[in-house]
Amino acid sequence: MTALEVTKSKNSSGVTRSGRLFVLELSGDRIHSMNPDGSDRKVIVTGGRYPDGIVVDAQAGHIYWTNMGVPPHNDGSIERADLDGGNRKIIVPQGGTHTPKQIHLDRENGKLYWCDREGMRVMRANLDGSQVETLVQTGHGDEDARDQNRWCVGINHRSEVQENLLDAERPRQWRAGPHLPRQH
């Protein structure tokens, strides 16, 4: 399991309090929620398809996560649920993205950004899953997909893709502006 996000909120008196920690369990296809100290652990989502990236929108009361699916099958997806796991909804259906990994929320612009490993691209969509688009494409076809140097595996808060983390001698970081899709 990997801890990924802690929500924080202010109550009516302006005091900041810690919220919940959300944890992905890739091998169990589950998402857990717990207090930051590990107490009050709850399974809030089951039946994922290898959940790999998660982001919390505490303000809207949602979590978004990527499901890698089975890499050769091009069946990745992205889902959304309330913070308690209720109102679960597929927002990018299977096949709308190949193998989605890390995910980033741009609340200000109403966008989700994610890396698509075997799809060799950085993608984005509106928070409801509409207007899916590719910002960076590093290759095409099965031959390119076998080349791990083309895989997009990480994205940071500035929507910059981190590539080739498996090859420490040739790490690369590519950037794409948030407003103009661009192909490599």
N, C-alpha and C. Protein backbone atom coordinates (compact mmCIF):
# COMPACT_ATOMS: atom_id res chain seq x y z
N MET A 1 0.83 -1.18 0.00
CA MET A 1 0.00 0.00 0.00
C MET A 1 0.88 1.24 0.00
N THR A 2 0.38 2.31 -0.58
CA THR A 2 1.10 3.56 -0.63
C THR A 2 0.19 4.69 -0.18
N ALA A 3 0.62 5.46 0.81
CA ALA A 3 -0.15 6.62 1.26
C ALA A 3 0.02 7.72 0.23
N LEU A 4 -1.05 8.37 -0.12
CA LEU A 4 -0.97 9.33 -1.21
C LEU A 4 -1.44 10.74 -0.92
N GLU A 5 -2.41 10.95 -0.07
CA GLU A 5 -2.94 12.30 0.09
C GLU A 5 -3.60 12.44 1.44
N VAL A 6 -3.40 13.56 2.09
CA VAL A 6 -4.12 13.89 3.32
C VAL A 6 -4.95 15.13 3.04
N THR A 7 -6.22 15.07 3.37
CA THR A 7 -7.07 16.24 3.20
C THR A 7 -6.96 17.12 4.43
N LYS A 8 -7.11 18.40 4.26
CA LYS A 8 -7.14 19.33 5.37
C LYS A 8 -8.30 20.28 5.13
N SER A 9 -8.93 20.70 6.19
CA SER A 9 -10.04 21.63 6.05
C SER A 9 -10.06 22.55 7.25
N LYS A 10 -10.72 23.69 7.09
CA LYS A 10 -10.89 24.63 8.18
C LYS A 10 -12.33 24.56 8.63
N ASN A 11 -12.53 24.55 9.95
CA ASN A 11 -13.89 24.58 10.45
C ASN A 11 -14.35 26.03 10.53
N SER A 12 -15.57 26.27 10.99
CA SER A 12 -16.15 27.61 10.98
C SER A 12 -15.36 28.60 11.83
N SER A 13 -14.58 28.14 12.80
CA SER A 13 -13.78 29.04 13.62
C SER A 13 -12.42 29.33 12.99
N GLY A 14 -12.13 28.74 11.82
CA GLY A 14 -10.89 28.99 11.11
C GLY A 14 -9.74 28.09 11.53
N VAL A 15 -10.00 27.11 12.40
CA VAL A 15 -8.95 26.20 12.85
C VAL A 15 -8.76 25.09 11.81
N THR A 16 -7.50 24.87 11.40
CA THR A 16 -7.21 23.81 10.44
C THR A 16 -7.14 22.48 11.18
N ARG A 17 -7.79 21.47 10.61
CA ARG A 17 -7.73 20.14 11.21
C ARG A 17 -7.34 19.15 10.12
N SER A 18 -6.70 18.08 10.54
CA SER A 18 -6.33 17.04 9.59
C SER A 18 -7.57 16.26 9.21
N GLY A 19 -7.61 15.83 7.99
CA GLY A 19 -8.72 15.05 7.50
C GLY A 19 -8.36 13.59 7.40
N ARG A 20 -8.62 13.00 6.26
CA ARG A 20 -8.41 11.57 6.04
C ARG A 20 -7.21 11.34 5.13
N LEU A 21 -6.57 10.21 5.33
CA LEU A 21 -5.50 9.74 4.47
C LEU A 21 -6.12 8.71 3.54
N PHE A 22 -5.84 8.81 2.25
CA PHE A 22 -6.37 7.87 1.26
C PHE A 22 -5.23 7.03 0.72
N VAL A 23 -5.41 5.71 0.72
CA VAL A 23 -4.35 4.76 0.39
C VAL A 23 -4.86 3.78 -0.66
N LEU A 24 -4.05 3.57 -1.68
CA LEU A 24 -4.37 2.60 -2.73
C LEU A 24 -3.77 1.25 -2.36
N GLU A 25 -4.52 0.20 -2.59
CA GLU A 25 -4.02 -1.16 -2.43
C GLU A 25 -4.10 -1.82 -3.81
N LEU A 26 -3.02 -1.70 -4.56
CA LEU A 26 -2.97 -2.18 -5.93
C LEU A 26 -3.30 -3.66 -6.03
N SER A 27 -2.68 -4.48 -5.20
CA SER A 27 -2.87 -5.93 -5.30
C SER A 27 -4.26 -6.37 -4.86
N GLY A 28 -4.94 -5.57 -4.06
CA GLY A 28 -6.28 -5.92 -3.59
C GLY A 28 -7.38 -5.17 -4.32
N ASP A 29 -6.99 -4.30 -5.27
CA ASP A 29 -7.96 -3.52 -6.05
C ASP A 29 -8.90 -2.72 -5.14
N ARG A 30 -8.31 -2.10 -4.09
CA ARG A 30 -9.11 -1.37 -3.12
C ARG A 30 -8.51 -0.01 -2.81
N ILE A 31 -9.37 0.87 -2.28
CA ILE A 31 -8.93 2.16 -1.74
C ILE A 31 -9.39 2.21 -0.29
N HIS A 32 -8.45 2.61 0.57
CA HIS A 32 -8.72 2.72 2.00
C HIS A 32 -8.73 4.20 2.39
N SER A 33 -9.43 4.50 3.46
CA SER A 33 -9.43 5.82 4.07
C SER A 33 -9.17 5.63 5.56
N MET A 34 -8.37 6.52 6.14
CA MET A 34 -8.05 6.40 7.56
C MET A 34 -7.62 7.75 8.10
N ASN A 35 -7.57 7.85 9.41
CA ASN A 35 -7.01 9.04 10.04
C ASN A 35 -5.51 9.05 9.77
N PRO A 36 -4.88 10.23 9.81
CA PRO A 36 -3.44 10.29 9.54
C PRO A 36 -2.59 9.41 10.45
N ASP A 37 -3.09 9.07 11.64
CA ASP A 37 -2.33 8.19 12.53
C ASP A 37 -2.59 6.71 12.25
N GLY A 38 -3.40 6.40 11.23
CA GLY A 38 -3.69 5.02 10.85
C GLY A 38 -4.93 4.44 11.51
N SER A 39 -5.53 5.17 12.41
CA SER A 39 -6.74 4.66 13.08
C SER A 39 -7.97 4.86 12.20
N ASP A 40 -9.05 4.21 12.55
CA ASP A 40 -10.32 4.31 11.85
C ASP A 40 -10.18 3.97 10.36
N ARG A 41 -9.47 2.90 10.09
CA ARG A 41 -9.24 2.46 8.70
C ARG A 41 -10.51 1.84 8.13
N LYS A 42 -10.86 2.28 6.92
CA LYS A 42 -12.06 1.78 6.24
C LYS A 42 -11.73 1.50 4.78
N VAL A 43 -12.28 0.43 4.24
CA VAL A 43 -12.22 0.19 2.80
C VAL A 43 -13.37 0.96 2.20
N ILE A 44 -13.07 1.90 1.31
CA ILE A 44 -14.14 2.73 0.74
C ILE A 44 -14.45 2.40 -0.72
N VAL A 45 -13.51 1.74 -1.41
CA VAL A 45 -13.74 1.34 -2.80
C VAL A 45 -13.18 -0.06 -2.97
N THR A 46 -13.94 -0.94 -3.62
CA THR A 46 -13.47 -2.28 -3.96
C THR A 46 -13.69 -2.50 -5.45
N GLY A 47 -13.07 -3.55 -5.97
CA GLY A 47 -13.31 -3.91 -7.36
C GLY A 47 -12.66 -2.98 -8.37
N GLY A 48 -11.59 -2.29 -7.97
CA GLY A 48 -10.86 -1.49 -8.93
C GLY A 48 -10.13 -2.40 -9.91
N ARG A 49 -9.52 -1.83 -10.91
CA ARG A 49 -8.75 -2.61 -11.87
C ARG A 49 -7.31 -2.14 -11.82
N TYR A 50 -6.63 -2.51 -10.74
CA TYR A 50 -5.27 -2.09 -10.45
C TYR A 50 -5.18 -0.57 -10.29
N PRO A 51 -5.80 -0.03 -9.23
CA PRO A 51 -5.72 1.42 -9.00
C PRO A 51 -4.28 1.84 -8.78
N ASP A 52 -3.87 2.93 -9.42
CA ASP A 52 -2.46 3.29 -9.39
C ASP A 52 -2.19 4.74 -8.99
N GLY A 53 -3.07 5.65 -9.28
CA GLY A 53 -2.88 7.05 -8.93
C GLY A 53 -4.15 7.58 -8.30
N ILE A 54 -4.01 8.48 -7.33
CA ILE A 54 -5.18 9.04 -6.67
C ILE A 54 -4.93 10.52 -6.36
N VAL A 55 -5.98 11.29 -6.43
CA VAL A 55 -5.93 12.69 -6.04
C VAL A 55 -7.23 13.00 -5.31
N VAL A 56 -7.14 13.86 -4.30
CA VAL A 56 -8.28 14.20 -3.47
C VAL A 56 -8.68 15.65 -3.73
N ASP A 57 -9.95 15.87 -3.96
CA ASP A 57 -10.51 17.22 -4.05
C ASP A 57 -11.40 17.39 -2.83
N ALA A 58 -10.78 17.78 -1.71
CA ALA A 58 -11.51 17.91 -0.45
C ALA A 58 -12.59 18.97 -0.55
N GLN A 59 -12.33 20.02 -1.30
CA GLN A 59 -13.29 21.11 -1.43
C GLN A 59 -14.59 20.63 -2.07
N ALA A 60 -14.49 19.80 -3.11
CA ALA A 60 -15.68 19.27 -3.79
C ALA A 60 -16.17 17.98 -3.16
N GLY A 61 -15.36 17.38 -2.28
CA GLY A 61 -15.76 16.14 -1.63
C GLY A 61 -15.59 14.90 -2.49
N HIS A 62 -14.57 14.90 -3.37
CA HIS A 62 -14.36 13.77 -4.29
C HIS A 62 -12.94 13.24 -4.21
N ILE A 63 -12.80 11.97 -4.57
CA ILE A 63 -11.49 11.40 -4.90
C ILE A 63 -11.57 10.96 -6.36
N TYR A 64 -10.46 11.08 -7.05
CA TYR A 64 -10.32 10.61 -8.43
C TYR A 64 -9.17 9.62 -8.42
N TRP A 65 -9.31 8.54 -9.18
CA TRP A 65 -8.20 7.59 -9.24
C TRP A 65 -8.12 6.95 -10.63
N THR A 66 -6.90 6.49 -10.94
CA THR A 66 -6.67 5.80 -12.20
C THR A 66 -6.72 4.30 -11.94
N ASN A 67 -7.24 3.56 -12.90
CA ASN A 67 -7.19 2.09 -12.91
C ASN A 67 -6.32 1.70 -14.09
N MET A 68 -5.18 1.06 -13.81
CA MET A 68 -4.26 0.69 -14.89
C MET A 68 -4.87 -0.33 -15.84
N GLY A 69 -5.73 -1.20 -15.35
CA GLY A 69 -6.21 -2.29 -16.18
C GLY A 69 -5.07 -3.26 -16.44
N VAL A 70 -5.19 -4.04 -17.49
CA VAL A 70 -4.16 -5.00 -17.87
C VAL A 70 -3.39 -4.37 -19.04
N PRO A 71 -2.11 -4.00 -18.85
CA PRO A 71 -1.39 -3.21 -19.84
C PRO A 71 -1.53 -3.64 -21.31
N PRO A 72 -1.42 -4.90 -21.68
CA PRO A 72 -1.53 -5.21 -23.11
C PRO A 72 -2.94 -5.01 -23.67
N HIS A 73 -3.93 -4.86 -22.80
CA HIS A 73 -5.32 -4.81 -23.28
C HIS A 73 -5.87 -3.43 -23.55
N ASN A 74 -5.12 -2.36 -23.29
CA ASN A 74 -5.60 -1.00 -23.53
C ASN A 74 -6.97 -0.79 -22.89
N ASP A 75 -7.06 -1.11 -21.58
CA ASP A 75 -8.36 -1.05 -20.90
C ASP A 75 -8.30 -0.24 -19.60
N GLY A 76 -7.42 0.77 -19.55
CA GLY A 76 -7.35 1.63 -18.38
C GLY A 76 -8.58 2.53 -18.30
N SER A 77 -8.80 3.09 -17.10
CA SER A 77 -9.95 3.97 -16.89
C SER A 77 -9.66 4.92 -15.73
N ILE A 78 -10.53 5.91 -15.56
CA ILE A 78 -10.45 6.83 -14.44
C ILE A 78 -11.83 6.92 -13.81
N GLU A 79 -11.84 6.89 -12.46
CA GLU A 79 -13.10 6.94 -11.73
C GLU A 79 -13.09 8.07 -10.71
N ARG A 80 -14.30 8.39 -10.25
CA ARG A 80 -14.49 9.39 -9.21
C ARG A 80 -15.49 8.85 -8.20
N ALA A 81 -15.31 9.22 -6.94
CA ALA A 81 -16.27 8.87 -5.89
C ALA A 81 -16.24 9.97 -4.84
N ASP A 82 -17.27 9.98 -4.01
CA ASP A 82 -17.26 10.87 -2.85
C ASP A 82 -16.17 10.41 -1.89
N LEU A 83 -15.82 11.24 -0.93
CA LEU A 83 -14.74 10.92 0.01
C LEU A 83 -15.01 9.66 0.83
N ASP A 84 -16.29 9.29 0.97
CA ASP A 84 -16.62 8.07 1.70
C ASP A 84 -16.76 6.86 0.79
N GLY A 85 -16.47 7.03 -0.51
CA GLY A 85 -16.56 5.94 -1.49
C GLY A 85 -17.91 5.86 -2.17
N GLY A 86 -18.88 6.64 -1.74
CA GLY A 86 -20.21 6.62 -2.34
C GLY A 86 -20.23 7.36 -3.68
N ASN A 87 -21.32 7.20 -4.41
CA ASN A 87 -21.52 7.86 -5.70
C ASN A 87 -20.37 7.62 -6.68
N ARG A 88 -19.90 6.40 -6.73
CA ARG A 88 -18.80 6.02 -7.61
C ARG A 88 -19.24 6.14 -9.07
N LYS A 89 -18.35 6.71 -9.89
CA LYS A 89 -18.69 6.95 -11.30
C LYS A 89 -17.44 6.80 -12.16
N ILE A 90 -17.58 6.11 -13.27
CA ILE A 90 -16.50 6.04 -14.26
C ILE A 90 -16.57 7.32 -15.09
N ILE A 91 -15.46 8.06 -15.11
CA ILE A 91 -15.48 9.31 -15.89
C ILE A 91 -14.69 9.21 -17.19
N VAL A 92 -13.67 8.37 -17.23
CA VAL A 92 -12.98 8.03 -18.48
C VAL A 92 -13.09 6.52 -18.60
N PRO A 93 -13.90 6.02 -19.53
CA PRO A 93 -14.18 4.58 -19.60
C PRO A 93 -12.98 3.77 -20.07
N GLN A 94 -13.07 2.45 -19.86
CA GLN A 94 -12.03 1.54 -20.31
C GLN A 94 -11.73 1.79 -21.78
N GLY A 95 -10.44 1.88 -22.09
CA GLY A 95 -10.02 2.13 -23.46
C GLY A 95 -9.88 3.61 -23.79
N GLY A 96 -10.40 4.49 -22.92
CA GLY A 96 -10.24 5.94 -23.13
C GLY A 96 -8.83 6.39 -22.81
N THR A 97 -8.11 5.54 -22.11
CA THR A 97 -6.70 5.72 -21.78
C THR A 97 -6.11 4.32 -21.63
N HIS A 98 -4.90 4.11 -22.03
CA HIS A 98 -4.32 2.77 -22.08
C HIS A 98 -3.94 2.25 -20.69
N THR A 99 -2.93 2.86 -20.07
CA THR A 99 -2.44 2.43 -18.76
C THR A 99 -2.22 3.67 -17.89
N PRO A 100 -3.29 4.29 -17.39
CA PRO A 100 -3.11 5.53 -16.62
C PRO A 100 -2.39 5.29 -15.31
N LYS A 101 -1.52 6.19 -14.97
CA LYS A 101 -0.70 6.08 -13.75
C LYS A 101 -1.01 7.25 -12.83
N GLN A 102 -0.02 8.10 -12.55
CA GLN A 102 -0.22 9.23 -11.64
C GLN A 102 -1.26 10.19 -12.20
N ILE A 103 -1.95 10.88 -11.29
CA ILE A 103 -3.02 11.80 -11.68
C ILE A 103 -2.87 13.09 -10.88
N HIS A 104 -3.22 14.20 -11.51
CA HIS A 104 -3.10 15.52 -10.88
C HIS A 104 -4.40 16.29 -11.10
N LEU A 105 -4.85 16.98 -10.08
CA LEU A 105 -6.05 17.81 -10.14
C LEU A 105 -5.65 19.27 -10.30
N ASP A 106 -6.19 19.91 -11.32
CA ASP A 106 -6.06 21.36 -11.52
C ASP A 106 -7.45 21.93 -11.26
N ARG A 107 -7.74 22.17 -9.99
CA ARG A 107 -9.08 22.62 -9.59
C ARG A 107 -9.42 23.96 -10.23
N GLU A 108 -8.43 24.85 -10.30
CA GLU A 108 -8.67 26.20 -10.84
C GLU A 108 -9.21 26.15 -12.26
N ASN A 109 -8.68 25.25 -13.08
CA ASN A 109 -9.11 25.15 -14.48
C ASN A 109 -10.07 23.99 -14.74
N GLY A 110 -10.44 23.26 -13.69
CA GLY A 110 -11.41 22.17 -13.83
C GLY A 110 -10.89 21.01 -14.67
N LYS A 111 -9.60 20.66 -14.49
CA LYS A 111 -8.98 19.62 -15.30
C LYS A 111 -8.31 18.55 -14.44
N LEU A 112 -8.24 17.35 -14.98
CA LEU A 112 -7.43 16.26 -14.47
C LEU A 112 -6.33 16.00 -15.49
N TYR A 113 -5.11 15.79 -15.02
CA TYR A 113 -3.97 15.43 -15.86
C TYR A 113 -3.46 14.08 -15.40
N TRP A 114 -3.04 13.24 -16.34
CA TRP A 114 -2.48 11.94 -15.96
C TRP A 114 -1.49 11.46 -17.00
N CYS A 115 -0.64 10.52 -16.56
CA CYS A 115 0.30 9.85 -17.45
C CYS A 115 -0.30 8.54 -17.89
N ASP A 116 -0.12 8.21 -19.14
CA ASP A 116 -0.59 6.96 -19.73
C ASP A 116 0.66 6.19 -20.17
N ARG A 117 1.09 5.24 -19.32
CA ARG A 117 2.39 4.58 -19.51
C ARG A 117 2.54 3.93 -20.89
N GLU A 118 1.85 2.83 -21.13
CA GLU A 118 2.00 2.15 -22.43
C GLU A 118 1.37 2.93 -23.57
N GLY A 119 0.48 3.84 -23.26
CA GLY A 119 -0.07 4.73 -24.29
C GLY A 119 0.93 5.81 -24.69
N MET A 120 2.01 5.93 -23.90
CA MET A 120 3.13 6.83 -24.18
C MET A 120 2.67 8.28 -24.33
N ARG A 121 1.84 8.74 -23.39
CA ARG A 121 1.32 10.09 -23.52
C ARG A 121 0.94 10.69 -22.16
N VAL A 122 0.83 11.99 -22.18
CA VAL A 122 0.26 12.75 -21.07
C VAL A 122 -1.09 13.23 -21.56
N MET A 123 -2.11 13.04 -20.72
CA MET A 123 -3.47 13.36 -21.14
C MET A 123 -4.15 14.25 -20.11
N ARG A 124 -5.27 14.82 -20.52
CA ARG A 124 -6.09 15.58 -19.60
C ARG A 124 -7.55 15.48 -20.02
N ALA A 125 -8.42 15.83 -19.07
CA ALA A 125 -9.86 15.85 -19.32
C ALA A 125 -10.49 16.81 -18.32
N ASN A 126 -11.71 17.21 -18.60
CA ASN A 126 -12.48 17.95 -17.62
C ASN A 126 -12.78 17.04 -16.44
N LEU A 127 -13.18 17.62 -15.32
CA LEU A 127 -13.43 16.83 -14.11
C LEU A 127 -14.55 15.82 -14.28
N ASP A 128 -15.43 16.02 -15.23
CA ASP A 128 -16.51 15.05 -15.49
C ASP A 128 -16.10 14.01 -16.52
N GLY A 129 -14.85 14.06 -16.99
CA GLY A 129 -14.35 13.10 -17.97
C GLY A 129 -14.55 13.52 -19.41
N SER A 130 -15.19 14.63 -19.64
CA SER A 130 -15.39 15.09 -21.02
C SER A 130 -14.11 15.75 -21.54
N GLN A 131 -14.05 15.92 -22.83
CA GLN A 131 -12.93 16.57 -23.53
C GLN A 131 -11.57 15.95 -23.20
N VAL A 132 -11.48 14.62 -23.32
CA VAL A 132 -10.21 13.93 -23.14
C VAL A 132 -9.29 14.33 -24.29
N GLU A 133 -8.08 14.72 -23.96
CA GLU A 133 -7.13 15.10 -25.01
C GLU A 133 -5.72 14.70 -24.62
N THR A 134 -4.89 14.54 -25.63
CA THR A 134 -3.48 14.20 -25.46
C THR A 134 -2.65 15.46 -25.55
N LEU A 135 -1.77 15.69 -24.56
CA LEU A 135 -0.89 16.85 -24.56
C LEU A 135 0.49 16.51 -25.10
N VAL A 136 0.99 15.33 -24.74
CA VAL A 136 2.31 14.89 -25.19
C VAL A 136 2.20 13.43 -25.60
N GLN A 137 2.73 13.09 -26.76
CA GLN A 137 2.76 11.70 -27.26
C GLN A 137 4.21 11.38 -27.59
N THR A 138 4.76 10.32 -26.97
CA THR A 138 6.18 10.00 -27.17
C THR A 138 6.41 8.84 -28.12
N GLY A 139 5.36 8.22 -28.63
CA GLY A 139 5.50 7.12 -29.56
C GLY A 139 4.14 6.61 -30.00
N HIS A 140 4.16 5.69 -30.99
CA HIS A 140 2.94 5.10 -31.54
C HIS A 140 3.18 3.62 -31.81
N GLY A 141 2.18 2.80 -31.55
CA GLY A 141 2.22 1.40 -31.95
C GLY A 141 2.92 0.49 -30.96
N ASP A 142 2.81 -0.81 -31.24
CA ASP A 142 3.32 -1.85 -30.35
C ASP A 142 4.84 -1.81 -30.18
N GLU A 143 5.55 -1.55 -31.27
CA GLU A 143 7.02 -1.52 -31.17
C GLU A 143 7.47 -0.40 -30.23
N ASP A 144 6.94 0.79 -30.38
CA ASP A 144 7.29 1.89 -29.50
C ASP A 144 6.87 1.59 -28.05
N ALA A 145 5.73 0.96 -27.86
CA ALA A 145 5.23 0.66 -26.52
C ALA A 145 6.15 -0.30 -25.76
N ARG A 146 6.90 -1.12 -26.48
CA ARG A 146 7.86 -2.02 -25.83
C ARG A 146 9.11 -1.29 -25.36
N ASP A 147 9.33 -0.08 -25.87
CA ASP A 147 10.50 0.72 -25.50
C ASP A 147 10.16 1.53 -24.25
N GLN A 148 10.65 1.10 -23.10
CA GLN A 148 10.33 1.76 -21.83
C GLN A 148 10.83 3.20 -21.77
N ASN A 149 11.75 3.57 -22.65
CA ASN A 149 12.21 4.95 -22.71
C ASN A 149 11.09 5.89 -23.16
N ARG A 150 10.06 5.36 -23.78
CA ARG A 150 8.94 6.18 -24.27
C ARG A 150 7.79 6.27 -23.26
N TRP A 151 7.84 5.47 -22.21
CA TRP A 151 6.74 5.43 -21.25
C TRP A 151 6.65 6.73 -20.45
N CYS A 152 5.46 7.19 -20.25
CA CYS A 152 5.18 8.34 -19.40
C CYS A 152 4.71 7.79 -18.06
N VAL A 153 5.49 8.02 -17.01
CA VAL A 153 5.19 7.36 -15.75
C VAL A 153 4.90 8.31 -14.59
N GLY A 154 5.17 9.59 -14.71
CA GLY A 154 4.93 10.49 -13.60
C GLY A 154 4.54 11.86 -14.07
N ILE A 155 3.80 12.55 -13.23
CA ILE A 155 3.38 13.91 -13.55
C ILE A 155 3.41 14.70 -12.25
N ASN A 156 3.86 15.95 -12.32
CA ASN A 156 3.92 16.72 -11.08
C ASN A 156 2.91 17.85 -11.09
N HIS A 157 2.95 18.66 -10.07
CA HIS A 157 1.94 19.70 -9.89
C HIS A 157 1.96 20.78 -10.95
N ARG A 158 2.99 20.83 -11.75
CA ARG A 158 3.04 21.79 -12.85
C ARG A 158 2.70 21.12 -14.18
N SER A 159 2.16 19.91 -14.10
CA SER A 159 1.79 19.12 -15.28
C SER A 159 2.98 18.87 -16.19
N GLU A 160 4.12 18.59 -15.58
CA GLU A 160 5.31 18.23 -16.32
C GLU A 160 5.45 16.72 -16.25
N VAL A 161 5.73 16.09 -17.35
CA VAL A 161 5.87 14.65 -17.35
C VAL A 161 7.30 14.27 -16.98
N GLN A 162 7.43 13.24 -16.17
CA GLN A 162 8.74 12.69 -15.86
C GLN A 162 8.83 11.36 -16.59
N GLU A 163 9.86 11.22 -17.37
CA GLU A 163 10.00 10.04 -18.20
C GLU A 163 11.22 9.23 -17.83
N ASN A 164 11.16 7.98 -18.20
CA ASN A 164 12.32 7.11 -18.16
C ASN A 164 12.94 7.01 -16.78
N LEU A 165 12.13 6.88 -15.76
CA LEU A 165 12.66 6.77 -14.41
C LEU A 165 13.38 5.44 -14.20
N LEU A 166 13.18 4.47 -15.10
CA LEU A 166 13.83 3.17 -14.96
C LEU A 166 15.29 3.23 -15.38
N ASP A 167 15.70 4.22 -16.13
CA ASP A 167 17.05 4.33 -16.64
C ASP A 167 17.71 5.56 -16.00
N ALA A 168 18.38 5.37 -14.89
CA ALA A 168 18.95 6.48 -14.14
C ALA A 168 20.03 7.22 -14.91
N GLU A 169 20.61 6.59 -15.93
CA GLU A 169 21.64 7.25 -16.70
C GLU A 169 21.07 8.19 -17.75
N ARG A 170 19.79 8.02 -18.08
CA ARG A 170 19.18 8.88 -19.09
C ARG A 170 17.81 9.40 -18.64
N PRO A 171 17.68 9.91 -17.41
CA PRO A 171 16.36 10.42 -17.01
C PRO A 171 16.02 11.67 -17.81
N ARG A 172 14.75 11.84 -18.08
CA ARG A 172 14.30 12.99 -18.85
C ARG A 172 13.06 13.58 -18.19
N GLN A 173 12.89 14.85 -18.37
CA GLN A 173 11.66 15.50 -17.93
C GLN A 173 11.20 16.38 -19.08
N TRP A 174 9.97 16.16 -19.52
CA TRP A 174 9.40 16.94 -20.61
C TRP A 174 8.31 17.81 -20.07
N ARG A 175 8.09 18.93 -20.68
CA ARG A 175 7.08 19.88 -20.22
C ARG A 175 6.10 20.20 -21.33
N ALA A 176 4.86 20.41 -20.92
CA ALA A 176 3.83 20.86 -21.84
C ALA A 176 3.00 21.89 -21.11
N GLY A 177 2.74 23.00 -21.76
CA GLY A 177 1.90 24.02 -21.15
C GLY A 177 0.48 23.51 -20.95
N PRO A 178 -0.22 24.03 -19.97
CA PRO A 178 -1.57 23.52 -19.67
C PRO A 178 -2.63 23.92 -20.68
N HIS A 179 -2.33 24.84 -21.59
CA HIS A 179 -3.36 25.34 -22.49
C HIS A 179 -3.26 24.84 -23.92
N LEU A 180 -2.10 24.39 -24.35
CA LEU A 180 -1.93 23.99 -25.74
C LEU A 180 -1.49 22.54 -25.84
N PRO A 181 -2.31 21.65 -26.37
CA PRO A 181 -1.84 20.28 -26.60
C PRO A 181 -0.65 20.30 -27.53
N ARG A 182 0.26 19.37 -27.30
CA ARG A 182 1.47 19.35 -28.11
C ARG A 182 1.90 17.90 -28.28
N GLN A 183 2.37 17.56 -29.44
CA GLN A 183 2.87 16.24 -29.74
C GLN A 183 4.38 16.28 -29.77
N HIS A 184 5.03 15.20 -29.30
CA HIS A 184 6.50 15.12 -29.35
C HIS A 184 6.88 14.32 -30.57
